[in-house]
Amino acid sequence: MKQTIYVSGMTCEACEYKIQYVISQIPSVTSAVAKYSDNSVIIESLDRIDSDVIVEALKPHAKYALLSEDSIQKEVPTESSQSWVNQYYPLLLIAGMITLVSFLTSFHAGIYAMAHFQLKMFLHNFMTGFFLVFSFFKLLNVKAFAESFQMYDLLAAKVPFYGKIYPFIELALGLLCLVHFQPRLVYWADIFIMGFGALGVIQSVVDKRKIRCACLGTVFNLPMSTVTIIENSLMVMIGIILLTML
């Protein structure tokens, strides 16, 4: 069932992610979508959540408080539906640019031969661009990313510090790819990190949890979906292919 509550104290997107995470930890809650613009939190759950339970969940976080019905001054605005292309346009644009640059830099010319396309160079360059660009967006707001990331990543949910260092891990992998340092180690790290990350994404999609994907940090509002699964799986496949080509 769906119900809407109002929580005071939300002032930014980081607050939204925090409230969504706290509410989603309540038993029987399947999803929570917070909006700091009107202090609303839309909850989907198996059973109706009593206000006392919500108050108890918010108690450790003194900044936030459940608002009573009498204190609500405006109704929840309905969001206009967006097409699939509009929702994922930032991700598609960035992926397209990485692909184009990787392709254009994947031609090798010998002294007496015409330039020819090298698949290995293309895949390696794509991995380099992926980790550098995606880590950049995460590093714009590490704290907000970590709070969003721990809502669906299995390790970050248990060890919040992992979410805080994850952008730096991606940055390190991108830089190692850039200088071609220990490529075998980098490819194995890619397979492990992206493969493990896909498990949490798959669980969130299967559970139909309406949460924000943090693959591009918190700059863009990208919903968690099968697109995120494809993104992680693609990087795992690229790592495997590159290992076989060493």
C-alpha atoms as a PDB file:
ATOM      1  CA  MET A   1       0.000   0.000   0.000  1.00  0.00           C
ATOM      2  CA  LYS A   2       1.042   3.615  -0.531  1.00  0.00           C
ATOM      3  CA  GLN A   3       0.967   6.430   1.992  1.00  0.00           C
ATOM      4  CA  THR A   4       2.409   9.931   2.136  1.00  0.00           C
ATOM      5  CA  ILE A   5       4.020  11.426   5.203  1.00  0.00           C
ATOM      6  CA  TYR A   6       5.781  14.750   5.763  1.00  0.00           C
ATOM      7  CA  VAL A   7       9.150  15.143   7.446  1.00  0.00           C
ATOM      8  CA  SER A   8      10.648  18.471   8.483  1.00  0.00           C
ATOM      9  CA  GLY A   9      14.369  19.215   8.298  1.00  0.00           C
ATOM     10  CA  MET A  10      15.044  18.166   4.699  1.00  0.00           C
ATOM     11  CA  THR A  11      17.033  20.901   2.945  1.00  0.00           C
ATOM     12  CA  CYS A  12      18.866  19.179   0.092  1.00  0.00           C
ATOM     13  CA  GLU A  13      19.184  15.992  -1.952  1.00  0.00           C
ATOM     14  CA  ALA A  14      21.486  14.487   0.638  1.00  0.00           C
ATOM     15  CA  CYS A  15      18.639  14.837   3.143  1.00  0.00           C
ATOM     16  CA  GLU A  16      16.326  13.073   0.703  1.00  0.00           C
ATOM     17  CA  TYR A  17      18.690  10.103   0.432  1.00  0.00           C
ATOM     18  CA  LYS A  18      19.104   9.984   4.208  1.00  0.00           C
ATOM     19  CA  ILE A  19      15.348   9.943   4.870  1.00  0.00           C
ATOM     20  CA  GLN A  20      14.767   7.387   2.118  1.00  0.00           C
ATOM     21  CA  TYR A  21      17.395   5.118   3.635  1.00  0.00           C
ATOM     22  CA  VAL A  22      16.060   5.488   7.208  1.00  0.00           C
ATOM     23  CA  ILE A  23      12.439   4.856   6.201  1.00  0.00           C
ATOM     24  CA  SER A  24      13.359   1.944   3.940  1.00  0.00           C
ATOM     25  CA  GLN A  25      14.881   0.149   6.955  1.00  0.00           C
ATOM     26  CA  ILE A  26      11.446  -0.099   8.595  1.00  0.00           C
ATOM     27  CA  PRO A  27      10.111  -3.671   8.282  1.00  0.00           C
ATOM     28  CA  SER A  28       7.504  -4.137   5.512  1.00  0.00           C
ATOM     29  CA  VAL A  29       8.590  -0.941   3.702  1.00  0.00           C
ATOM     30  CA  THR A  30       9.403  -1.731   0.062  1.00  0.00           C
ATOM     31  CA  SER A  31      10.298   1.772  -1.110  1.00  0.00           C
ATOM     32  CA  ALA A  32      10.508   5.372   0.065  1.00  0.00           C
ATOM     33  CA  VAL A  33      10.777   8.466  -2.119  1.00  0.00           C
ATOM     34  CA  ALA A  34      11.508  11.766  -0.351  1.00  0.00           C
ATOM     35  CA  LYS A  35      11.252  15.313  -1.739  1.00  0.00           C
ATOM     36  CA  TYR A  36      12.804  18.125   0.238  1.00  0.00           C
ATOM     37  CA  SER A  37      10.929  20.732  -1.847  1.00  0.00           C
ATOM     38  CA  ASP A  38       7.677  19.969  -0.003  1.00  0.00           C
ATOM     39  CA  ASN A  39       8.933  17.749   2.862  1.00  0.00           C
ATOM     40  CA  SER A  40       6.996  14.778   1.517  1.00  0.00           C
ATOM     41  CA  VAL A  41       7.921  11.103   1.695  1.00  0.00           C
ATOM     42  CA  ILE A  42       5.924   8.628  -0.370  1.00  0.00           C
ATOM     43  CA  ILE A  43       6.082   5.204   1.235  1.00  0.00           C
ATOM     44  CA  GLU A  44       5.138   1.895  -0.349  1.00  0.00           C
ATOM     45  CA  SER A  45       4.787  -0.962   2.122  1.00  0.00           C
ATOM     46  CA  LEU A  46       3.124  -4.312   2.693  1.00  0.00           C
ATOM     47  CA  ASP A  47       1.142  -2.875   5.639  1.00  0.00           C
ATOM     48  CA  ARG A  48       0.303   0.623   6.780  1.00  0.00           C
ATOM     49  CA  ILE A  49       3.128   2.178   8.804  1.00  0.00           C
ATOM     50  CA  ASP A  50       1.980   3.818  12.051  1.00  0.00           C
ATOM     51  CA  SER A  51       3.297   7.285  12.856  1.00  0.00           C
ATOM     52  CA  ASP A  52       4.815   5.988  16.103  1.00  0.00           C
ATOM     53  CA  VAL A  53       7.025   3.620  14.107  1.00  0.00           C
ATOM     54  CA  ILE A  54       8.199   6.463  11.862  1.00  0.00           C
ATOM     55  CA  VAL A  55       8.890   8.707  14.834  1.00  0.00           C
ATOM     56  CA  GLU A  56      10.972   5.940  16.405  1.00  0.00           C
ATOM     57  CA  ALA A  57      12.951   5.466  13.178  1.00  0.00           C
ATOM     58  CA  LEU A  58      13.685   9.197  12.984  1.00  0.00           C
ATOM     59  CA  LYS A  59      14.624   9.512  16.661  1.00  0.00           C
ATOM     60  CA  PRO A  60      18.392   8.930  16.151  1.00  0.00           C
ATOM     61  CA  HIS A  61      18.391  11.745  13.582  1.00  0.00           C
ATOM     62  CA  ALA A  62      17.505  14.866  15.545  1.00  0.00           C
ATOM     63  CA  LYS A  63      17.480  17.099  12.463  1.00  0.00           C
ATOM     64  CA  TYR A  64      14.327  15.436  11.131  1.00  0.00           C
ATOM     65  CA  ALA A  65      10.830  15.180  12.603  1.00  0.00           C
ATOM     66  CA  LEU A  66       7.513  13.795  11.477  1.00  0.00           C
ATOM     67  CA  LEU A  67       4.995  16.547  10.707  1.00  0.00           C
ATOM     68  CA  SER A  68       1.366  16.219  11.748  1.00  0.00           C
ATOM     69  CA  GLU A  69      -1.451  16.460   9.223  1.00  0.00           C
ATOM     70  CA  ASP A  70      -2.506  19.812  10.672  1.00  0.00           C
ATOM     71  CA  SER A  71       0.860  21.364   9.901  1.00  0.00           C
ATOM     72  CA  ILE A  72       0.774  20.520   6.194  1.00  0.00           C
ATOM     73  CA  GLN A  73       0.078  23.638   4.158  1.00  0.00           C
ATOM     74  CA  LYS A  74       0.106  22.294   0.642  1.00  0.00           C
ATOM     75  CA  GLU A  75      -0.656  19.145  -1.265  1.00  0.00           C
ATOM     76  CA  VAL A  76       1.871  16.874  -2.849  1.00  0.00           C
ATOM     77  CA  PRO A  77       2.417  17.907  -6.481  1.00  0.00           C
ATOM     78  CA  THR A  78       2.154  15.116  -9.019  1.00  0.00           C
ATOM     79  CA  GLU A  79       5.260  14.561 -11.083  1.00  0.00           C
ATOM     80  CA  SER A  80       4.872  14.611 -14.825  1.00  0.00           C
ATOM     81  CA  SER A  81       5.826  11.360 -16.461  1.00  0.00           C
ATOM     82  CA  GLN A  82       9.040  11.350 -18.459  1.00  0.00           C
ATOM     83  CA  SER A  83       9.871   9.230 -21.444  1.00  0.00           C
ATOM     84  CA  TRP A  84      12.590   6.621 -21.163  1.00  0.00           C
ATOM     85  CA  VAL A  85      14.929   8.684 -23.364  1.00  0.00           C
ATOM     86  CA  ASN A  86      14.401  11.830 -21.288  1.00  0.00           C
ATOM     87  CA  GLN A  87      15.054   9.962 -18.043  1.00  0.00           C
ATOM     88  CA  TYR A  88      18.283   8.386 -19.229  1.00  0.00           C
ATOM     89  CA  TYR A  89      19.468  11.114 -21.613  1.00  0.00           C
ATOM     90  CA  PRO A  90      22.453  12.141 -19.415  1.00  0.00           C
ATOM     91  CA  LEU A  91      23.612   8.527 -19.113  1.00  0.00           C
ATOM     92  CA  LEU A  92      23.127   7.866 -22.843  1.00  0.00           C
ATOM     93  CA  LEU A  93      24.975  11.054 -23.779  1.00  0.00           C
ATOM     94  CA  ILE A  94      27.931  10.301 -21.512  1.00  0.00           C
ATOM     95  CA  ALA A  95      28.112   6.656 -22.652  1.00  0.00           C
ATOM     96  CA  GLY A  96      27.954   7.814 -26.274  1.00  0.00           C
ATOM     97  CA  MET A  97      30.783  10.294 -25.790  1.00  0.00           C
ATOM     98  CA  ILE A  98      32.971   7.696 -24.068  1.00  0.00           C
ATOM     99  CA  THR A  99      32.268   5.227 -26.883  1.00  0.00           C
ATOM    100  CA  LEU A 100      33.066   7.791 -29.596  1.00  0.00           C
ATOM    101  CA  VAL A 101      36.360   8.873 -28.019  1.00  0.00           C
ATOM    102  CA  SER A 102      37.329   5.235 -27.367  1.00  0.00           C
ATOM    103  CA  PHE A 103      36.620   4.359 -30.997  1.00  0.00           C
ATOM    104  CA  LEU A 104      38.556   7.289 -32.440  1.00  0.00           C
ATOM    105  CA  THR A 105      41.595   6.481 -30.294  1.00  0.00           C
ATOM    106  CA  SER A 106      41.576   2.765 -31.156  1.00  0.00           C
ATOM    107  CA  PHE A 107      43.279   2.887 -34.533  1.00  0.00           C
ATOM    108  CA  HIS A 108      46.909   1.904 -34.877  1.00  0.00           C
ATOM    109  CA  ALA A 109      49.017   2.650 -37.962  1.00  0.00           C
ATOM    110  CA  GLY A 110      52.289   0.954 -38.756  1.00  0.00           C
ATOM    111  CA  ILE A 111      55.093   2.574 -40.734  1.00  0.00           C
ATOM    112  CA  TYR A 112      54.026   0.988 -44.019  1.00  0.00           C
ATOM    113  CA  ALA A 113      50.408   0.153 -43.263  1.00  0.00           C
ATOM    114  CA  MET A 114      47.088   1.935 -43.087  1.00  0.00           C
ATOM    115  CA  ALA A 115      45.493   2.522 -39.702  1.00  0.00           C
ATOM    116  CA  HIS A 116      43.414  -0.416 -38.522  1.00  0.00           C
ATOM    117  CA  PHE A 117      40.935  -0.790 -35.678  1.00  0.00           C
ATOM    118  CA  GLN A 118      42.103  -2.609 -32.543  1.00  0.00           C
ATOM    119  CA  LEU A 119      39.350  -4.118 -30.416  1.00  0.00           C
ATOM    120  CA  LYS A 120      41.587  -4.527 -27.380  1.00  0.00           C
ATOM    121  CA  MET A 121      42.585  -0.871 -27.464  1.00  0.00           C
ATOM    122  CA  PHE A 122      38.941   0.169 -27.872  1.00  0.00           C
ATOM    123  CA  LEU A 123      37.762  -1.860 -24.863  1.00  0.00           C
ATOM    124  CA  HIS A 124      40.679  -0.691 -22.726  1.00  0.00           C
ATOM    125  CA  ASN A 125      40.045   2.944 -23.660  1.00  0.00           C
ATOM    126  CA  PHE A 126      36.332   2.527 -22.944  1.00  0.00           C
ATOM    127  CA  MET A 127      37.107   1.163 -19.466  1.00  0.00           C
ATOM    128  CA  THR A 128      39.485   4.078 -18.882  1.00  0.00           C
ATOM    129  CA  GLY A 129      36.871   6.641 -19.886  1.00  0.00           C
ATOM    130  CA  PHE A 130      34.127   4.918 -17.913  1.00  0.00           C
ATOM    131  CA  PHE A 131      35.992   4.931 -14.603  1.00  0.00           C
ATOM    132  CA  LEU A 132      37.376   8.458 -15.001  1.00  0.00           C
ATOM    133  CA  VAL A 133      34.102  10.080 -16.073  1.00  0.00           C
ATOM    134  CA  PHE A 134      31.820   8.204 -13.679  1.00  0.00           C
ATOM    135  CA  SER A 135      34.166   8.816 -10.741  1.00  0.00           C
ATOM    136  CA  PHE A 136      34.179  12.536 -11.586  1.00  0.00           C
ATOM    137  CA  PHE A 137      30.418  12.844 -11.110  1.00  0.00           C
ATOM    138  CA  LYS A 138      30.542  10.859  -7.863  1.00  0.00           C
ATOM    139  CA  LEU A 139      33.361  13.046  -6.526  1.00  0.00           C
ATOM    140  CA  LEU A 140      31.260  16.200  -6.975  1.00  0.00           C
ATOM    141  CA  ASN A 141      29.402  15.232  -3.792  1.00  0.00           C
ATOM    142  CA  VAL A 142      30.933  12.188  -2.113  1.00  0.00           C
ATOM    143  CA  LYS A 143      28.724  12.369   0.982  1.00  0.00           C
ATOM    144  CA  ALA A 144      25.453  12.501  -0.974  1.00  0.00           C
ATOM    145  CA  PHE A 145      26.665   9.716  -3.271  1.00  0.00           C
ATOM    146  CA  ALA A 146      27.592   7.489  -0.318  1.00  0.00           C
ATOM    147  CA  GLU A 147      24.180   7.961   1.310  1.00  0.00           C
ATOM    148  CA  SER A 148      22.429   7.081  -1.944  1.00  0.00           C
ATOM    149  CA  PHE A 149      24.813   4.205  -2.735  1.00  0.00           C
ATOM    150  CA  GLN A 150      24.251   2.464   0.595  1.00  0.00           C
ATOM    151  CA  MET A 151      20.546   2.197  -0.182  1.00  0.00           C
ATOM    152  CA  TYR A 152      21.178  -0.554  -2.738  1.00  0.00           C
ATOM    153  CA  ASP A 153      24.807  -1.690  -2.624  1.00  0.00           C
ATOM    154  CA  LEU A 154      25.145  -4.789  -0.445  1.00  0.00           C
ATOM    155  CA  LEU A 155      28.560  -3.891   1.013  1.00  0.00           C
ATOM    156  CA  ALA A 156      27.915  -0.152   1.446  1.00  0.00           C
ATOM    157  CA  ALA A 157      24.712  -0.966   3.341  1.00  0.00           C
ATOM    158  CA  LYS A 158      26.767  -2.895   5.902  1.00  0.00           C
ATOM    159  CA  VAL A 159      29.950  -0.802   5.748  1.00  0.00           C
ATOM    160  CA  PRO A 160      29.044   2.851   4.977  1.00  0.00           C
ATOM    161  CA  PHE A 161      32.740   3.773   4.660  1.00  0.00           C
ATOM    162  CA  TYR A 162      32.868   1.709   1.452  1.00  0.00           C
ATOM    163  CA  GLY A 163      30.458   4.150  -0.176  1.00  0.00           C
ATOM    164  CA  LYS A 164      32.728   7.059   0.734  1.00  0.00           C
ATOM    165  CA  ILE A 165      35.833   5.527  -0.835  1.00  0.00           C
ATOM    166  CA  TYR A 166      34.078   3.986  -3.853  1.00  0.00           C
ATOM    167  CA  PRO A 167      34.515   7.110  -6.068  1.00  0.00           C
ATOM    168  CA  PHE A 168      38.230   7.092  -5.287  1.00  0.00           C
ATOM    169  CA  ILE A 169      38.444   3.389  -6.171  1.00  0.00           C
ATOM    170  CA  GLU A 170      36.901   4.123  -9.576  1.00  0.00           C
ATOM    171  CA  LEU A 171      39.260   7.083 -10.039  1.00  0.00           C
ATOM    172  CA  ALA A 172      42.267   4.907  -9.198  1.00  0.00           C
ATOM    173  CA  LEU A 173      41.178   2.225 -11.671  1.00  0.00           C
ATOM    174  CA  GLY A 174      40.712   4.850 -14.368  1.00  0.00           C
ATOM    175  CA  LEU A 175      44.172   6.315 -13.790  1.00  0.00           C
ATOM    176  CA  LEU A 176      45.766   2.854 -13.768  1.00  0.00           C
ATOM    177  CA  CYS A 177      44.050   2.114 -17.086  1.00  0.00           C
ATOM    178  CA  LEU A 178      45.247   5.435 -18.464  1.00  0.00           C
ATOM    179  CA  VAL A 179      48.912   4.635 -17.809  1.00  0.00           C
ATOM    180  CA  HIS A 180      48.497   0.896 -18.604  1.00  0.00           C
ATOM    181  CA  PHE A 181      49.807  -0.108 -15.166  1.00  0.00           C
ATOM    182  CA  GLN A 182      49.159  -3.735 -14.161  1.00  0.00           C
ATOM    183  CA  PRO A 183      46.250  -4.188 -16.608  1.00  0.00           C
ATOM    184  CA  ARG A 184      45.588  -7.763 -15.465  1.00  0.00           C
ATOM    185  CA  LEU A 185      45.054  -6.550 -11.884  1.00  0.00           C
ATOM    186  CA  VAL A 186      42.816  -3.708 -13.082  1.00  0.00           C
ATOM    187  CA  TYR A 187      40.672  -6.034 -15.202  1.00  0.00           C
ATOM    188  CA  TRP A 188      40.202  -8.439 -12.292  1.00  0.00           C
ATOM    189  CA  ALA A 189      39.285  -5.515 -10.016  1.00  0.00           C
ATOM    190  CA  ASP A 190      36.748  -4.336 -12.596  1.00  0.00           C
ATOM    191  CA  ILE A 191      35.135  -7.785 -12.774  1.00  0.00           C
ATOM    192  CA  PHE A 192      34.939  -8.153  -8.996  1.00  0.00           C
ATOM    193  CA  ILE A 193      33.744  -4.619  -8.148  1.00  0.00           C
ATOM    194  CA  MET A 194      31.217  -4.241 -10.964  1.00  0.00           C
ATOM    195  CA  GLY A 195      30.031  -7.838 -10.644  1.00  0.00           C
ATOM    196  CA  PHE A 196      29.480  -7.562  -6.900  1.00  0.00           C
ATOM    197  CA  GLY A 197      27.810  -4.168  -7.369  1.00  0.00           C
ATOM    198  CA  ALA A 198      25.397  -5.712  -9.858  1.00  0.00           C
ATOM    199  CA  LEU A 199      24.062  -8.051  -7.151  1.00  0.00           C
ATOM    200  CA  GLY A 200      22.674  -5.167  -5.106  1.00  0.00           C
ATOM    201  CA  VAL A 201      21.249  -3.514  -8.205  1.00  0.00           C
ATOM    202  CA  ILE A 202      19.517  -6.729  -9.254  1.00  0.00           C
ATOM    203  CA  GLN A 203      18.031  -7.163  -5.781  1.00  0.00           C
ATOM    204  CA  SER A 204      16.693  -3.586  -5.803  1.00  0.00           C
ATOM    205  CA  VAL A 205      15.164  -4.007  -9.264  1.00  0.00           C
ATOM    206  CA  VAL A 206      13.609  -7.380  -8.385  1.00  0.00           C
ATOM    207  CA  ASP A 207      12.160  -5.879  -5.180  1.00  0.00           C
ATOM    208  CA  LYS A 208      10.834  -2.967  -7.300  1.00  0.00           C
ATOM    209  CA  ARG A 209      12.369  -0.434  -4.944  1.00  0.00           C
ATOM    210  CA  LYS A 210      11.919   3.075  -6.317  1.00  0.00           C
ATOM    211  CA  ILE A 211      15.299   4.562  -5.494  1.00  0.00           C
ATOM    212  CA  ARG A 212      17.760   6.742  -7.335  1.00  0.00           C
ATOM    213  CA  CYS A 213      20.691   5.222  -9.190  1.00  0.00           C
ATOM    214  CA  ALA A 214      23.971   6.751  -8.048  1.00  0.00           C
ATOM    215  CA  CYS A 215      26.057   5.693 -11.051  1.00  0.00           C
ATOM    216  CA  LEU A 216      26.452   9.375 -12.002  1.00  0.00           C
ATOM    217  CA  GLY A 217      26.532  10.592  -8.435  1.00  0.00           C
ATOM    218  CA  THR A 218      23.693  12.865  -7.382  1.00  0.00           C
ATOM    219  CA  VAL A 219      23.963  15.338 -10.260  1.00  0.00           C
ATOM    220  CA  PHE A 220      21.265  13.602 -12.315  1.00  0.00           C
ATOM    221  CA  ASN A 221      18.005  12.015 -11.206  1.00  0.00           C
ATOM    222  CA  LEU A 222      18.359   8.546 -12.703  1.00  0.00           C
ATOM    223  CA  PRO A 223      15.962   5.837 -11.507  1.00  0.00           C
ATOM    224  CA  MET A 224      17.264   2.404 -10.592  1.00  0.00           C
ATOM    225  CA  SER A 225      16.301  -0.025 -13.377  1.00  0.00           C
ATOM    226  CA  THR A 226      17.524  -2.785 -15.669  1.00  0.00           C
ATOM    227  CA  VAL A 227      19.662  -0.131 -17.396  1.00  0.00           C
ATOM    228  CA  THR A 228      21.883  -0.080 -14.310  1.00  0.00           C
ATOM    229  CA  ILE A 229      22.153  -3.877 -14.416  1.00  0.00           C
ATOM    230  CA  ILE A 230      23.191  -3.700 -18.079  1.00  0.00           C
ATOM    231  CA  GLU A 231      25.783  -1.028 -17.236  1.00  0.00           C
ATOM    232  CA  ASN A 232      27.424  -3.179 -14.535  1.00  0.00           C
ATOM    233  CA  SER A 233      27.184  -6.358 -16.599  1.00  0.00           C
ATOM    234  CA  LEU A 234      28.750  -4.638 -19.618  1.00  0.00           C
ATOM    235  CA  MET A 235      31.775  -3.591 -17.574  1.00  0.00           C
ATOM    236  CA  VAL A 236      32.145  -7.141 -16.251  1.00  0.00           C
ATOM    237  CA  MET A 237      32.038  -8.500 -19.815  1.00  0.00           C
ATOM    238  CA  ILE A 238      34.638  -5.982 -20.975  1.00  0.00           C
ATOM    239  CA  GLY A 239      36.935  -7.011 -18.126  1.00  0.00           C
ATOM    240  CA  ILE A 240      36.560 -10.701 -19.018  1.00  0.00           C
ATOM    241  CA  ILE A 241      37.212 -10.100 -22.721  1.00  0.00           C
ATOM    242  CA  LEU A 242      40.293  -8.001 -21.983  1.00  0.00           C
ATOM    243  CA  LEU A 243      41.674 -10.709 -19.699  1.00  0.00           C
ATOM    244  CA  THR A 244      41.353 -13.282 -22.490  1.00  0.00           C
ATOM    245  CA  MET A 245      43.200 -10.931 -24.877  1.00  0.00           C
ATOM    246  CA  LEU A 246      46.277 -10.457 -22.652  1.00  0.00           C
END
